[in-house]
């Protein structure tokens, strides 16, 4: 079973905000002649990276709910210019919607076991992807999804 990470998506009010940010950063990198990779930089390096890379995802908490995920393709530790150890988590730019799941605030990232993650919203969910996030969240509150 894959091991995943979960993190608060600070600064994004919606999944659409996150997607727009990813698109913006990829366009910036292309314009600068850099590899167009979706990267999230964090302070702590996951020690269990071998269990995450290629199989696991980073689940994003937006407005108090797990709402989406991005597959983790690589984890690259590095030392910044000030000598501080950091980590680049390389993500697939595709954002996959998940069934909304409440999550309290926390700092940094956490390991997120496969048995705890919400299911993806997919073609079997009859138009769930097209519903506004507020409506998906309300339906989740009512226990209807």
C-alpha atoms as a PDB file:
ATOM      1  CA  UNK A   1       0.000   0.000   0.000  1.00  0.00           C
ATOM      2  CA  UNK A   2       1.191   3.467  -0.868  1.00  0.00           C
ATOM      3  CA  UNK A   3       2.027   5.983   1.801  1.00  0.00           C
ATOM      4  CA  UNK A   4       0.779   9.521   1.211  1.00  0.00           C
ATOM      5  CA  UNK A   5       1.337  12.981   2.622  1.00  0.00           C
ATOM      6  CA  UNK A   6      -1.271  15.511   3.704  1.00  0.00           C
ATOM      7  CA  UNK A   7      -0.714  19.263   3.928  1.00  0.00           C
ATOM      8  CA  UNK A   8      -2.697  22.471   4.332  1.00  0.00           C
ATOM      9  CA  UNK A   9      -2.956  24.372   1.059  1.00  0.00           C
ATOM     10  CA  UNK A  10      -2.212  27.835   2.437  1.00  0.00           C
ATOM     11  CA  UNK A  11      -3.333  30.737   0.265  1.00  0.00           C
ATOM     12  CA  UNK A  12      -5.786  28.808  -1.898  1.00  0.00           C
ATOM     13  CA  UNK A  13      -9.506  29.317  -1.370  1.00  0.00           C
ATOM     14  CA  UNK A  14     -10.505  26.511  -3.726  1.00  0.00           C
ATOM     15  CA  UNK A  15      -9.246  23.696  -5.907  1.00  0.00           C
ATOM     16  CA  UNK A  16      -9.542  26.094  -8.845  1.00  0.00           C
ATOM     17  CA  UNK A  17      -7.158  28.502  -7.047  1.00  0.00           C
ATOM     18  CA  UNK A  18      -4.669  25.662  -6.602  1.00  0.00           C
ATOM     19  CA  UNK A  19      -4.947  24.672 -10.270  1.00  0.00           C
ATOM     20  CA  UNK A  20      -4.453  28.294 -11.364  1.00  0.00           C
ATOM     21  CA  UNK A  21      -1.355  28.582  -9.143  1.00  0.00           C
ATOM     22  CA  UNK A  22       0.119  25.392 -10.597  1.00  0.00           C
ATOM     23  CA  UNK A  23      -0.538  26.605 -14.165  1.00  0.00           C
ATOM     24  CA  UNK A  24       1.004  29.992 -13.364  1.00  0.00           C
ATOM     25  CA  UNK A  25       4.170  28.468 -11.862  1.00  0.00           C
ATOM     26  CA  UNK A  26       4.584  26.006 -14.759  1.00  0.00           C
ATOM     27  CA  UNK A  27       4.256  28.878 -17.269  1.00  0.00           C
ATOM     28  CA  UNK A  28       6.850  30.891 -15.315  1.00  0.00           C
ATOM     29  CA  UNK A  29       9.280  27.973 -15.406  1.00  0.00           C
ATOM     30  CA  UNK A  30       8.771  27.392 -19.141  1.00  0.00           C
ATOM     31  CA  UNK A  31       9.354  31.104 -19.832  1.00  0.00           C
ATOM     32  CA  UNK A  32      12.576  30.979 -17.793  1.00  0.00           C
ATOM     33  CA  UNK A  33      13.773  27.896 -19.695  1.00  0.00           C
ATOM     34  CA  UNK A  34      13.556  25.712 -16.585  1.00  0.00           C
ATOM     35  CA  UNK A  35      12.028  22.233 -16.435  1.00  0.00           C
ATOM     36  CA  UNK A  36       8.253  22.607 -16.118  1.00  0.00           C
ATOM     37  CA  UNK A  37       7.782  20.672 -12.874  1.00  0.00           C
ATOM     38  CA  UNK A  38       5.206  21.212 -10.176  1.00  0.00           C
ATOM     39  CA  UNK A  39       7.276  21.467  -6.994  1.00  0.00           C
ATOM     40  CA  UNK A  40       6.315  22.095  -3.400  1.00  0.00           C
ATOM     41  CA  UNK A  41       9.243  23.059  -1.174  1.00  0.00           C
ATOM     42  CA  UNK A  42       9.105  22.129   2.480  1.00  0.00           C
ATOM     43  CA  UNK A  43      11.484  22.139   5.426  1.00  0.00           C
ATOM     44  CA  UNK A  44      11.260  18.531   6.523  1.00  0.00           C
ATOM     45  CA  UNK A  45      12.297  15.585   4.336  1.00  0.00           C
ATOM     46  CA  UNK A  46       9.992  12.550   4.504  1.00  0.00           C
ATOM     47  CA  UNK A  47      12.121   9.719   5.880  1.00  0.00           C
ATOM     48  CA  UNK A  48       9.796   7.170   4.282  1.00  0.00           C
ATOM     49  CA  UNK A  49      10.199   8.576   0.781  1.00  0.00           C
ATOM     50  CA  UNK A  50      10.653   5.141  -0.806  1.00  0.00           C
ATOM     51  CA  UNK A  51       7.092   4.274   0.261  1.00  0.00           C
ATOM     52  CA  UNK A  52       5.737   7.483  -1.266  1.00  0.00           C
ATOM     53  CA  UNK A  53       7.463   8.158  -4.612  1.00  0.00           C
ATOM     54  CA  UNK A  54       5.459   7.091  -7.645  1.00  0.00           C
ATOM     55  CA  UNK A  55       2.611   5.503  -5.704  1.00  0.00           C
ATOM     56  CA  UNK A  56       1.706   8.082  -3.077  1.00  0.00           C
ATOM     57  CA  UNK A  57       0.060  11.477  -3.341  1.00  0.00           C
ATOM     58  CA  UNK A  58       0.065  14.799  -1.553  1.00  0.00           C
ATOM     59  CA  UNK A  59      -3.474  15.405  -0.297  1.00  0.00           C
ATOM     60  CA  UNK A  60      -4.369  19.080  -0.018  1.00  0.00           C
ATOM     61  CA  UNK A  61      -6.541  20.482   2.792  1.00  0.00           C
ATOM     62  CA  UNK A  62      -8.375  23.537   1.486  1.00  0.00           C
ATOM     63  CA  UNK A  63     -10.737  25.490   3.738  1.00  0.00           C
ATOM     64  CA  UNK A  64     -10.752  22.783   6.413  1.00  0.00           C
ATOM     65  CA  UNK A  65     -11.345  19.830   4.096  1.00  0.00           C
ATOM     66  CA  UNK A  66      -9.259  17.385   2.139  1.00  0.00           C
ATOM     67  CA  UNK A  67     -10.487  18.242  -1.363  1.00  0.00           C
ATOM     68  CA  UNK A  68      -7.873  17.046  -3.842  1.00  0.00           C
ATOM     69  CA  UNK A  69      -4.540  15.364  -4.357  1.00  0.00           C
ATOM     70  CA  UNK A  70      -1.471  15.370  -6.599  1.00  0.00           C
ATOM     71  CA  UNK A  71       0.636  12.263  -7.225  1.00  0.00           C
ATOM     72  CA  UNK A  72       4.196  12.517  -5.846  1.00  0.00           C
ATOM     73  CA  UNK A  73       6.778  11.697  -8.521  1.00  0.00           C
ATOM     74  CA  UNK A  74       9.985  12.489  -6.627  1.00  0.00           C
ATOM     75  CA  UNK A  75      11.391  13.776  -3.345  1.00  0.00           C
ATOM     76  CA  UNK A  76      14.598  15.828  -3.605  1.00  0.00           C
ATOM     77  CA  UNK A  77      16.378  16.896  -0.428  1.00  0.00           C
ATOM     78  CA  UNK A  78      18.680  19.916  -0.744  1.00  0.00           C
ATOM     79  CA  UNK A  79      20.450  22.541   1.342  1.00  0.00           C
ATOM     80  CA  UNK A  80      19.464  26.143   0.653  1.00  0.00           C
ATOM     81  CA  UNK A  81      21.805  29.129   0.407  1.00  0.00           C
ATOM     82  CA  UNK A  82      21.657  29.665   4.172  1.00  0.00           C
ATOM     83  CA  UNK A  83      22.672  26.084   4.943  1.00  0.00           C
ATOM     84  CA  UNK A  84      19.166  24.950   5.935  1.00  0.00           C
ATOM     85  CA  UNK A  85      18.066  21.463   4.886  1.00  0.00           C
ATOM     86  CA  UNK A  86      14.920  21.523   2.779  1.00  0.00           C
ATOM     87  CA  UNK A  87      13.005  19.250   0.455  1.00  0.00           C
ATOM     88  CA  UNK A  88      11.443  19.607  -2.976  1.00  0.00           C
ATOM     89  CA  UNK A  89       8.388  17.408  -3.372  1.00  0.00           C
ATOM     90  CA  UNK A  90       7.868  16.949  -7.108  1.00  0.00           C
ATOM     91  CA  UNK A  91       4.203  16.576  -7.999  1.00  0.00           C
ATOM     92  CA  UNK A  92       2.277  15.499 -11.059  1.00  0.00           C
ATOM     93  CA  UNK A  93       0.602  18.745 -12.206  1.00  0.00           C
ATOM     94  CA  UNK A  94      -2.766  16.977 -12.535  1.00  0.00           C
ATOM     95  CA  UNK A  95      -5.025  17.794  -9.580  1.00  0.00           C
ATOM     96  CA  UNK A  96      -7.422  14.949  -8.773  1.00  0.00           C
ATOM     97  CA  UNK A  97     -10.612  15.807  -6.882  1.00  0.00           C
ATOM     98  CA  UNK A  98     -11.394  13.703  -3.825  1.00  0.00           C
ATOM     99  CA  UNK A  99     -14.560  13.311  -1.812  1.00  0.00           C
ATOM    100  CA  UNK A 100     -14.490  16.147   0.735  1.00  0.00           C
ATOM    101  CA  UNK A 101     -13.230  15.038   4.154  1.00  0.00           C
ATOM    102  CA  UNK A 102     -13.045  17.388   7.166  1.00  0.00           C
ATOM    103  CA  UNK A 103      -9.555  17.960   8.572  1.00  0.00           C
ATOM    104  CA  UNK A 104      -8.488  20.173  11.465  1.00  0.00           C
ATOM    105  CA  UNK A 105      -5.549  22.564  11.024  1.00  0.00           C
ATOM    106  CA  UNK A 106      -2.021  21.301  11.641  1.00  0.00           C
ATOM    107  CA  UNK A 107       1.500  22.478  10.876  1.00  0.00           C
ATOM    108  CA  UNK A 108       3.727  21.109   8.143  1.00  0.00           C
ATOM    109  CA  UNK A 109       2.902  17.859   6.423  1.00  0.00           C
ATOM    110  CA  UNK A 110       1.874  14.522   7.905  1.00  0.00           C
ATOM    111  CA  UNK A 111       1.980  10.951   6.680  1.00  0.00           C
ATOM    112  CA  UNK A 112      -1.457   9.891   5.468  1.00  0.00           C
ATOM    113  CA  UNK A 113      -2.100   6.159   5.338  1.00  0.00           C
ATOM    114  CA  UNK A 114      -3.917   4.724   2.324  1.00  0.00           C
ATOM    115  CA  UNK A 115      -6.753   3.435   4.513  1.00  0.00           C
ATOM    116  CA  UNK A 116      -7.422   6.976   5.810  1.00  0.00           C
ATOM    117  CA  UNK A 117      -7.546   8.870   2.513  1.00  0.00           C
ATOM    118  CA  UNK A 118     -10.814   9.915   0.880  1.00  0.00           C
ATOM    119  CA  UNK A 119     -11.818   8.298  -2.383  1.00  0.00           C
ATOM    120  CA  UNK A 120     -11.232  10.080  -5.673  1.00  0.00           C
ATOM    121  CA  UNK A 121     -14.157  11.632  -7.460  1.00  0.00           C
ATOM    122  CA  UNK A 122     -14.198   9.863 -10.805  1.00  0.00           C
ATOM    123  CA  UNK A 123     -16.434   9.049 -13.759  1.00  0.00           C
ATOM    124  CA  UNK A 124     -18.570   6.758 -11.595  1.00  0.00           C
ATOM    125  CA  UNK A 125     -19.662   9.730  -9.511  1.00  0.00           C
ATOM    126  CA  UNK A 126     -22.115  11.081 -12.114  1.00  0.00           C
ATOM    127  CA  UNK A 127     -21.061  14.716 -12.516  1.00  0.00           C
ATOM    128  CA  UNK A 128     -19.544  15.271  -9.063  1.00  0.00           C
ATOM    129  CA  UNK A 129     -16.540  16.988 -10.688  1.00  0.00           C
ATOM    130  CA  UNK A 130     -18.809  19.640 -12.177  1.00  0.00           C
ATOM    131  CA  UNK A 131     -20.477  20.541  -8.872  1.00  0.00           C
ATOM    132  CA  UNK A 132     -19.160  23.678  -7.177  1.00  0.00           C
ATOM    133  CA  UNK A 133     -16.871  22.899  -4.228  1.00  0.00           C
ATOM    134  CA  UNK A 134     -19.304  24.534  -1.760  1.00  0.00           C
ATOM    135  CA  UNK A 135     -22.057  22.188  -2.901  1.00  0.00           C
ATOM    136  CA  UNK A 136     -19.781  19.121  -2.684  1.00  0.00           C
ATOM    137  CA  UNK A 137     -18.821  20.180   0.850  1.00  0.00           C
ATOM    138  CA  UNK A 138     -22.440  20.678   1.874  1.00  0.00           C
ATOM    139  CA  UNK A 139     -23.409  17.281   0.481  1.00  0.00           C
ATOM    140  CA  UNK A 140     -20.525  15.755   2.440  1.00  0.00           C
ATOM    141  CA  UNK A 141     -21.766  17.500   5.628  1.00  0.00           C
ATOM    142  CA  UNK A 142     -25.173  15.946   5.056  1.00  0.00           C
ATOM    143  CA  UNK A 143     -23.605  12.519   4.570  1.00  0.00           C
ATOM    144  CA  UNK A 144     -24.905  12.260   1.028  1.00  0.00           C
ATOM    145  CA  UNK A 145     -21.473  11.748  -0.548  1.00  0.00           C
END
